[in-house]
Amino acid sequence: MSSQCPKCYHKTADSRLVMLHNFDATIRPNQVVKNQDGIRIEWPDGHQSQFKSEWLRARAFRGNEKTRDLINWGGPNTKVECPYQNL
């Protein structure tokens, strides 16, 4: 379960608080409710996740590609040089 609630997500750090090795890959929601702002999901442990439509659209997949623009941040062979005096 991946939620953006304060129990699961650190907003300032923009990161999840739940460790990946603690995720249950077989979990299924008890209930999914569509509302005017997006969807609300209730999980077996009673935890609830709320996702706004805008947030979901920004992360939507179309075929094998994401619909939002991707930024190339380099790769394992990217070499960046910065002279020490420029730091």
PDB file of N, CA and C in Angstrom:
ATOM      1  N   MET A   1       0.851  -1.165   0.000  1.00  0.00           N
ATOM      2  CA  MET A   1       0.000   0.000   0.000  1.00  0.00           C
ATOM      3  C   MET A   1       0.896   1.226   0.000  1.00  0.00           C
ATOM      4  N   SER A   2       0.614   2.133  -0.887  1.00  0.00           N
ATOM      5  CA  SER A   2       1.394   3.355  -0.990  1.00  0.00           C
ATOM      6  C   SER A   2       0.439   4.529  -0.916  1.00  0.00           C
ATOM      7  N   SER A   3       0.515   5.250   0.147  1.00  0.00           N
ATOM      8  CA  SER A   3      -0.402   6.344   0.404  1.00  0.00           C
ATOM      9  C   SER A   3       0.383   7.627   0.594  1.00  0.00           C
ATOM     10  N   GLN A   4      -0.281   8.746   0.457  1.00  0.00           N
ATOM     11  CA  GLN A   4       0.361  10.026   0.693  1.00  0.00           C
ATOM     12  C   GLN A   4      -0.145  10.642   2.002  1.00  0.00           C
ATOM     13  N   CYS A   5      -0.666   9.813   2.889  1.00  0.00           N
ATOM     14  CA  CYS A   5      -1.103  10.299   4.191  1.00  0.00           C
ATOM     15  C   CYS A   5       0.123  10.492   5.096  1.00  0.00           C
ATOM     16  N   PRO A   6      -0.002  11.256   6.186  1.00  0.00           N
ATOM     17  CA  PRO A   6       1.140  11.495   7.081  1.00  0.00           C
ATOM     18  C   PRO A   6       1.746  10.225   7.687  1.00  0.00           C
ATOM     19  N   LYS A   7       0.965   9.152   7.781  1.00  0.00           N
ATOM     20  CA  LYS A   7       1.474   7.887   8.319  1.00  0.00           C
ATOM     21  C   LYS A   7       2.428   7.194   7.345  1.00  0.00           C
ATOM     22  N   CYS A   8       2.234   7.450   6.033  1.00  0.00           N
ATOM     23  CA  CYS A   8       2.996   6.738   5.007  1.00  0.00           C
ATOM     24  C   CYS A   8       3.961   7.618   4.219  1.00  0.00           C
ATOM     25  N   TYR A   9       3.776   8.947   4.286  1.00  0.00           N
ATOM     26  CA  TYR A   9       4.500   9.820   3.366  1.00  0.00           C
ATOM     27  C   TYR A   9       5.006  11.060   4.091  1.00  0.00           C
ATOM     28  N   HIS A  10       6.280  11.394   3.856  1.00  0.00           N
ATOM     29  CA  HIS A  10       6.882  12.594   4.437  1.00  0.00           C
ATOM     30  C   HIS A  10       6.857  13.684   3.369  1.00  0.00           C
ATOM     31  N   LYS A  11       5.946  14.648   3.523  1.00  0.00           N
ATOM     32  CA  LYS A  11       5.714  15.659   2.493  1.00  0.00           C
ATOM     33  C   LYS A  11       6.955  16.518   2.240  1.00  0.00           C
ATOM     34  N   THR A  12       7.648  16.954   3.285  1.00  0.00           N
ATOM     35  CA  THR A  12       8.814  17.820   3.129  1.00  0.00           C
ATOM     36  C   THR A  12       9.941  17.098   2.393  1.00  0.00           C
ATOM     37  N   ALA A  13      10.163  15.843   2.733  1.00  0.00           N
ATOM     38  CA  ALA A  13      11.217  15.054   2.094  1.00  0.00           C
ATOM     39  C   ALA A  13      10.758  14.461   0.762  1.00  0.00           C
ATOM     40  N   ASP A  14       9.454  14.540   0.492  1.00  0.00           N
ATOM     41  CA  ASP A  14       8.872  13.968  -0.726  1.00  0.00           C
ATOM     42  C   ASP A  14       9.258  12.496  -0.865  1.00  0.00           C
ATOM     43  N   SER A  15       9.026  11.744   0.231  1.00  0.00           N
ATOM     44  CA  SER A  15       9.382  10.329   0.222  1.00  0.00           C
ATOM     45  C   SER A  15       8.422   9.527   1.095  1.00  0.00           C
ATOM     46  N   ARG A  16       8.344   8.242   0.818  1.00  0.00           N
ATOM     47  CA  ARG A  16       7.470   7.387   1.628  1.00  0.00           C
ATOM     48  C   ARG A  16       8.197   6.981   2.908  1.00  0.00           C
ATOM     49  N   LEU A  17       7.420   6.732   3.936  1.00  0.00           N
ATOM     50  CA  LEU A  17       7.963   6.344   5.229  1.00  0.00           C
ATOM     51  C   LEU A  17       7.968   4.833   5.422  1.00  0.00           C
ATOM     52  N   VAL A  18       7.193   4.124   4.621  1.00  0.00           N
ATOM     53  CA  VAL A  18       7.101   2.672   4.720  1.00  0.00           C
ATOM     54  C   VAL A  18       8.211   2.066   3.869  1.00  0.00           C
ATOM     55  N   MET A  19       8.967   1.166   4.450  1.00  0.00           N
ATOM     56  CA  MET A  19      10.063   0.524   3.727  1.00  0.00           C
ATOM     57  C   MET A  19       9.494  -0.466   2.701  1.00  0.00           C
ATOM     58  N   LEU A  20      10.115  -0.537   1.539  1.00  0.00           N
ATOM     59  CA  LEU A  20       9.627  -1.422   0.480  1.00  0.00           C
ATOM     60  C   LEU A  20       9.557  -2.881   0.913  1.00  0.00           C
ATOM     61  N   HIS A  21      10.494  -3.316   1.752  1.00  0.00           N
ATOM     62  CA  HIS A  21      10.460  -4.723   2.166  1.00  0.00           C
ATOM     63  C   HIS A  21       9.271  -5.026   3.088  1.00  0.00           C
ATOM     64  N   ASN A  22       8.574  -3.997   3.554  1.00  0.00           N
ATOM     65  CA  ASN A  22       7.376  -4.193   4.376  1.00  0.00           C
ATOM     66  C   ASN A  22       6.087  -4.186   3.556  1.00  0.00           C
ATOM     67  N   PHE A  23       6.180  -3.926   2.253  1.00  0.00           N
ATOM     68  CA  PHE A  23       4.991  -3.915   1.404  1.00  0.00           C
ATOM     69  C   PHE A  23       4.471  -5.328   1.189  1.00  0.00           C
ATOM     70  N   ASP A  24       3.162  -5.463   1.196  1.00  0.00           N
ATOM     71  CA  ASP A  24       2.515  -6.724   0.861  1.00  0.00           C
ATOM     72  C   ASP A  24       2.067  -6.621  -0.593  1.00  0.00           C
ATOM     73  N   ALA A  25       2.765  -7.288  -1.497  1.00  0.00           N
ATOM     74  CA  ALA A  25       2.465  -7.199  -2.924  1.00  0.00           C
ATOM     75  C   ALA A  25       1.141  -7.852  -3.290  1.00  0.00           C
ATOM     76  N   THR A  26       0.562  -8.625  -2.375  1.00  0.00           N
ATOM     77  CA  THR A  26      -0.699  -9.309  -2.666  1.00  0.00           C
ATOM     78  C   THR A  26      -1.911  -8.585  -2.077  1.00  0.00           C
ATOM     79  N   ILE A  27      -1.699  -7.444  -1.436  1.00  0.00           N
ATOM     80  CA  ILE A  27      -2.794  -6.732  -0.787  1.00  0.00           C
ATOM     81  C   ILE A  27      -3.829  -6.258  -1.808  1.00  0.00           C
ATOM     82  N   ARG A  28      -5.070  -6.297  -1.419  1.00  0.00           N
ATOM     83  CA  ARG A  28      -6.185  -5.823  -2.242  1.00  0.00           C
ATOM     84  C   ARG A  28      -7.032  -4.886  -1.386  1.00  0.00           C
ATOM     85  N   PRO A  29      -7.542  -3.811  -1.975  1.00  0.00           N
ATOM     86  CA  PRO A  29      -8.368  -2.887  -1.195  1.00  0.00           C
ATOM     87  C   PRO A  29      -9.701  -3.510  -0.815  1.00  0.00           C
ATOM     88  N   ASN A  30     -10.219  -3.079   0.336  1.00  0.00           N
ATOM     89  CA  ASN A  30     -11.568  -3.492   0.731  1.00  0.00           C
ATOM     90  C   ASN A  30     -12.604  -2.724  -0.070  1.00  0.00           C
ATOM     91  N   GLN A  31     -12.277  -1.451  -0.361  1.00  0.00           N
ATOM     92  CA  GLN A  31     -13.245  -0.604  -1.042  1.00  0.00           C
ATOM     93  C   GLN A  31     -12.513   0.509  -1.793  1.00  0.00           C
ATOM     94  N   VAL A  32     -13.006   0.829  -2.986  1.00  0.00           N
ATOM     95  CA  VAL A  32     -12.516   1.967  -3.764  1.00  0.00           C
ATOM     96  C   VAL A  32     -13.727   2.806  -4.113  1.00  0.00           C
ATOM     97  N   VAL A  33     -13.688   4.072  -3.711  1.00  0.00           N
ATOM     98  CA  VAL A  33     -14.823   4.975  -3.935  1.00  0.00           C
ATOM     99  C   VAL A  33     -14.359   6.157  -4.776  1.00  0.00           C
ATOM    100  N   LYS A  34     -15.058   6.389  -5.896  1.00  0.00           N
ATOM    101  CA  LYS A  34     -14.781   7.548  -6.728  1.00  0.00           C
ATOM    102  C   LYS A  34     -15.600   8.712  -6.182  1.00  0.00           C
ATOM    103  N   ASN A  35     -14.932   9.858  -5.977  1.00  0.00           N
ATOM    104  CA  ASN A  35     -15.641  11.048  -5.534  1.00  0.00           C
ATOM    105  C   ASN A  35     -15.313  12.194  -6.485  1.00  0.00           C
ATOM    106  N   GLN A  36     -15.795  13.394  -6.208  1.00  0.00           N
ATOM    107  CA  GLN A  36     -15.597  14.508  -7.141  1.00  0.00           C
ATOM    108  C   GLN A  36     -14.143  14.946  -7.246  1.00  0.00           C
ATOM    109  N   ASP A  37     -13.322  14.665  -6.244  1.00  0.00           N
ATOM    110  CA  ASP A  37     -11.921  15.068  -6.256  1.00  0.00           C
ATOM    111  C   ASP A  37     -10.974  13.980  -6.736  1.00  0.00           C
ATOM    112  N   GLY A  38     -11.418  12.731  -6.814  1.00  0.00           N
ATOM    113  CA  GLY A  38     -10.538  11.626  -7.187  1.00  0.00           C
ATOM    114  C   GLY A  38     -11.088  10.315  -6.669  1.00  0.00           C
ATOM    115  N   ILE A  39     -10.246   9.561  -5.952  1.00  0.00           N
ATOM    116  CA  ILE A  39     -10.698   8.303  -5.366  1.00  0.00           C
ATOM    117  C   ILE A  39     -10.212   8.168  -3.927  1.00  0.00           C
ATOM    118  N   ARG A  40     -10.963   7.388  -3.166  1.00  0.00           N
ATOM    119  CA  ARG A  40     -10.582   7.038  -1.798  1.00  0.00           C
ATOM    120  C   ARG A  40     -10.534   5.521  -1.735  1.00  0.00           C
ATOM    121  N   ILE A  41      -9.463   5.009  -1.161  1.00  0.00           N
ATOM    122  CA  ILE A  41      -9.270   3.558  -1.049  1.00  0.00           C
ATOM    123  C   ILE A  41      -9.204   3.190   0.420  1.00  0.00           C
ATOM    124  N   GLU A  42      -9.963   2.166   0.805  1.00  0.00           N
ATOM    125  CA  GLU A  42      -9.891   1.630   2.166  1.00  0.00           C
ATOM    126  C   GLU A  42      -9.202   0.278   2.100  1.00  0.00           C
ATOM    127  N   TRP A  43      -8.179   0.121   2.963  1.00  0.00           N
ATOM    128  CA  TRP A  43      -7.362  -1.089   2.984  1.00  0.00           C
ATOM    129  C   TRP A  43      -7.794  -2.014   4.116  1.00  0.00           C
ATOM    130  N   PRO A  44      -7.415  -3.302   4.061  1.00  0.00           N
ATOM    131  CA  PRO A  44      -7.823  -4.268   5.077  1.00  0.00           C
ATOM    132  C   PRO A  44      -7.482  -3.872   6.514  1.00  0.00           C
ATOM    133  N   ASP A  45      -6.409  -3.090   6.721  1.00  0.00           N
ATOM    134  CA  ASP A  45      -6.047  -2.679   8.082  1.00  0.00           C
ATOM    135  C   ASP A  45      -6.810  -1.438   8.545  1.00  0.00           C
ATOM    136  N   GLY A  46      -7.769  -0.960   7.711  1.00  0.00           N
ATOM    137  CA  GLY A  46      -8.546   0.218   8.066  1.00  0.00           C
ATOM    138  C   GLY A  46      -7.928   1.522   7.566  1.00  0.00           C
ATOM    139  N   HIS A  47      -6.692   1.456   7.106  1.00  0.00           N
ATOM    140  CA  HIS A  47      -5.999   2.628   6.572  1.00  0.00           C
ATOM    141  C   HIS A  47      -6.726   3.110   5.319  1.00  0.00           C
ATOM    142  N   GLN A  48      -6.770   4.434   5.115  1.00  0.00           N
ATOM    143  CA  GLN A  48      -7.407   4.982   3.929  1.00  0.00           C
ATOM    144  C   GLN A  48      -6.419   5.835   3.145  1.00  0.00           C
ATOM    145  N   SER A  49      -6.486   5.715   1.833  1.00  0.00           N
ATOM    146  CA  SER A  49      -5.667   6.518   0.928  1.00  0.00           C
ATOM    147  C   SER A  49      -6.595   7.382   0.099  1.00  0.00           C
ATOM    148  N   GLN A  50      -6.207   8.622  -0.102  1.00  0.00           N
ATOM    149  CA  GLN A  50      -6.981   9.548  -0.930  1.00  0.00           C
ATOM    150  C   GLN A  50      -6.078  10.036  -2.045  1.00  0.00           C
ATOM    151  N   PHE A  51      -6.515   9.910  -3.287  1.00  0.00           N
ATOM    152  CA  PHE A  51      -5.739  10.358  -4.437  1.00  0.00           C
ATOM    153  C   PHE A  51      -6.584  11.312  -5.264  1.00  0.00           C
ATOM    154  N   LYS A  52      -6.077  12.521  -5.476  1.00  0.00           N
ATOM    155  CA  LYS A  52      -6.796  13.501  -6.287  1.00  0.00           C
ATOM    156  C   LYS A  52      -6.672  13.150  -7.765  1.00  0.00           C
ATOM    157  N   SER A  53      -7.699  13.520  -8.527  1.00  0.00           N
ATOM    158  CA  SER A  53      -7.727  13.233  -9.966  1.00  0.00           C
ATOM    159  C   SER A  53      -6.505  13.809 -10.675  1.00  0.00           C
ATOM    160  N   GLU A  54      -6.124  15.026 -10.333  1.00  0.00           N
ATOM    161  CA  GLU A  54      -4.962  15.671 -10.965  1.00  0.00           C
ATOM    162  C   GLU A  54      -3.695  14.848 -10.738  1.00  0.00           C
ATOM    163  N   TRP A  55      -3.513  14.367  -9.495  1.00  0.00           N
ATOM    164  CA  TRP A  55      -2.340  13.571  -9.140  1.00  0.00           C
ATOM    165  C   TRP A  55      -2.326  12.264  -9.943  1.00  0.00           C
ATOM    166  N   LEU A  56      -3.482  11.627 -10.056  1.00  0.00           N
ATOM    167  CA  LEU A  56      -3.583  10.373 -10.801  1.00  0.00           C
ATOM    168  C   LEU A  56      -3.317  10.588 -12.286  1.00  0.00           C
ATOM    169  N   ARG A  57      -3.880  11.659 -12.845  1.00  0.00           N
ATOM    170  CA  ARG A  57      -3.667  11.950 -14.266  1.00  0.00           C
ATOM    171  C   ARG A  57      -2.189  12.205 -14.575  1.00  0.00           C
ATOM    172  N   ALA A  58      -1.501  12.915 -13.676  1.00  0.00           N
ATOM    173  CA  ALA A  58      -0.087  13.225 -13.882  1.00  0.00           C
ATOM    174  C   ALA A  58       0.772  11.969 -13.880  1.00  0.00           C
ATOM    175  N   ARG A  59       0.278  10.886 -13.295  1.00  0.00           N
ATOM    176  CA  ARG A  59       1.039   9.644 -13.195  1.00  0.00           C
ATOM    177  C   ARG A  59       0.441   8.514 -14.035  1.00  0.00           C
ATOM    178  N   ALA A  60      -0.495   8.866 -14.899  1.00  0.00           N
ATOM    179  CA  ALA A  60      -1.194   7.869 -15.715  1.00  0.00           C
ATOM    180  C   ALA A  60      -0.276   7.304 -16.787  1.00  0.00           C
ATOM    181  N   PHE A  61      -0.496   6.053 -17.144  1.00  0.00           N
ATOM    182  CA  PHE A  61       0.243   5.394 -18.217  1.00  0.00           C
ATOM    183  C   PHE A  61      -0.648   5.322 -19.446  1.00  0.00           C
ATOM    184  N   ARG A  62      -0.059   5.508 -20.585  1.00  0.00           N
ATOM    185  CA  ARG A  62      -0.745   5.312 -21.859  1.00  0.00           C
ATOM    186  C   ARG A  62       0.112   4.331 -22.635  1.00  0.00           C
ATOM    187  N   GLY A  63      -0.341   3.111 -22.779  1.00  0.00           N
ATOM    188  CA  GLY A  63       0.483   2.087 -23.413  1.00  0.00           C
ATOM    189  C   GLY A  63       1.698   1.836 -22.547  1.00  0.00           C
ATOM    190  N   ASN A  64       2.873   1.926 -23.119  1.00  0.00           N
ATOM    191  CA  ASN A  64       4.111   1.716 -22.381  1.00  0.00           C
ATOM    192  C   ASN A  64       4.772   3.021 -21.958  1.00  0.00           C
ATOM    193  N   GLU A  65       4.122   4.151 -22.265  1.00  0.00           N
ATOM    194  CA  GLU A  65       4.737   5.439 -21.963  1.00  0.00           C
ATOM    195  C   GLU A  65       3.905   6.204 -20.947  1.00  0.00           C
ATOM    196  N   LYS A  66       4.594   6.984 -20.132  1.00  0.00           N
ATOM    197  CA  LYS A  66       3.887   7.886 -19.232  1.00  0.00           C
ATOM    198  C   LYS A  66       3.411   9.080 -20.047  1.00  0.00           C
ATOM    199  N   THR A  67       2.323   9.694 -19.629  1.00  0.00           N
ATOM    200  CA  THR A  67       1.774  10.816 -20.369  1.00  0.00           C
ATOM    201  C   THR A  67       2.495  12.123 -20.054  1.00  0.00           C
ATOM    202  N   ARG A  68       3.191  12.195 -18.957  1.00  0.00           N
ATOM    203  CA  ARG A  68       3.914  13.428 -18.642  1.00  0.00           C
ATOM    204  C   ARG A  68       5.308  13.381 -19.255  1.00  0.00           C
ATOM    205  N   ASP A  69       5.918  14.539 -19.400  1.00  0.00           N
ATOM    206  CA  ASP A  69       7.251  14.616 -19.982  1.00  0.00           C
ATOM    207  C   ASP A  69       8.270  13.987 -19.052  1.00  0.00           C
ATOM    208  N   LEU A  70       9.216  13.282 -19.638  1.00  0.00           N
ATOM    209  CA  LEU A  70      10.286  12.666 -18.868  1.00  0.00           C
ATOM    210  C   LEU A  70      11.546  13.500 -19.018  1.00  0.00           C
ATOM    211  N   ILE A  71      12.336  13.580 -17.973  1.00  0.00           N
ATOM    212  CA  ILE A  71      13.575  14.336 -17.979  1.00  0.00           C
ATOM    213  C   ILE A  71      14.731  13.357 -17.897  1.00  0.00           C
ATOM    214  N   ASN A  72      15.680  13.465 -18.808  1.00  0.00           N
ATOM    215  CA  ASN A  72      16.852  12.603 -18.785  1.00  0.00           C
ATOM    216  C   ASN A  72      17.860  13.196 -17.804  1.00  0.00           C
ATOM    217  N   TRP A  73      18.082  12.509 -16.695  1.00  0.00           N
ATOM    218  CA  TRP A  73      19.014  12.969 -15.663  1.00  0.00           C
ATOM    219  C   TRP A  73      20.374  12.312 -15.827  1.00  0.00           C
ATOM    220  N   GLY A  74      20.606  11.682 -16.955  1.00  0.00           N
ATOM    221  CA  GLY A  74      21.875  10.998 -17.159  1.00  0.00           C
ATOM    222  C   GLY A  74      21.715   9.523 -16.840  1.00  0.00           C
ATOM    223  N   GLY A  75      22.804   8.825 -16.901  1.00  0.00           N
ATOM    224  CA  GLY A  75      22.760   7.400 -16.639  1.00  0.00           C
ATOM    225  C   GLY A  75      24.040   6.956 -15.972  1.00  0.00           C
ATOM    226  N   PRO A  76      24.245   5.643 -15.880  1.00  0.00           N
ATOM    227  CA  PRO A  76      25.429   5.135 -15.177  1.00  0.00           C
ATOM    228  C   PRO A  76      26.739   5.543 -15.850  1.00  0.00           C
ATOM    229  N   ASN A  77      26.705   5.900 -17.143  1.00  0.00           N
ATOM    230  CA  ASN A  77      27.930   6.282 -17.849  1.00  0.00           C
ATOM    231  C   ASN A  77      28.075   7.796 -17.987  1.00  0.00           C
ATOM    232  N   THR A  78      27.214   8.544 -17.313  1.00  0.00           N
ATOM    233  CA  THR A  78      27.282   9.999 -17.393  1.00  0.00           C
ATOM    234  C   THR A  78      28.418  10.500 -16.512  1.00  0.00           C
ATOM    235  N   LYS A  79      29.268  11.322 -17.091  1.00  0.00           N
ATOM    236  CA  LYS A  79      30.396  11.882 -16.347  1.00  0.00           C
ATOM    237  C   LYS A  79      30.175  13.381 -16.212  1.00  0.00           C
ATOM    238  N   VAL A  80      30.195  13.878 -15.001  1.00  0.00           N
ATOM    239  CA  VAL A  80      30.026  15.303 -14.750  1.00  0.00           C
ATOM    240  C   VAL A  80      31.306  15.807 -14.104  1.00  0.00           C
ATOM    241  N   GLU A  81      31.854  16.868 -14.671  1.00  0.00           N
ATOM    242  CA  GLU A  81      33.057  17.464 -14.106  1.00  0.00           C
ATOM    243  C   GLU A  81      32.736  18.862 -13.598  1.00  0.00           C
ATOM    244  N   CYS A  82      33.241  19.161 -12.431  1.00  0.00           N
ATOM    245  CA  CYS A  82      33.053  20.476 -11.846  1.00  0.00           C
ATOM    246  C   CYS A  82      34.331  20.828 -11.103  1.00  0.00           C
ATOM    247  N   PRO A  83      35.065  21.828 -11.594  1.00  0.00           N
ATOM    248  CA  PRO A  83      36.288  22.218 -10.905  1.00  0.00           C
ATOM    249  C   PRO A  83      36.000  22.610  -9.445  1.00  0.00           C
ATOM    250  N   TYR A  84      36.894  22.204  -8.565  1.00  0.00           N
ATOM    251  CA  TYR A  84      36.714  22.451  -7.133  1.00  0.00           C
ATOM    252  C   TYR A  84      36.462  23.932  -6.832  1.00  0.00           C
ATOM    253  N   GLN A  85      37.161  24.827  -7.502  1.00  0.00           N
ATOM    254  CA  GLN A  85      37.022  26.250  -7.205  1.00  0.00           C
ATOM    255  C   GLN A  85      35.639  26.776  -7.595  1.00  0.00           C
ATOM    256  N   ASN A  86      34.899  26.048  -8.430  1.00  0.00           N
ATOM    257  CA  ASN A  86      33.559  26.470  -8.813  1.00  0.00           C
ATOM    258  C   ASN A  86      32.503  26.059  -7.790  1.00  0.00           C
ATOM    259  N   LEU A  87      32.884  25.260  -6.824  1.00  0.00           N
ATOM    260  CA  LEU A  87      31.916  24.799  -5.819  1.00  0.00           C
ATOM    261  C   LEU A  87      31.597  25.827  -4.808  1.00  0.00           C
TER     262      LEU A  87
END
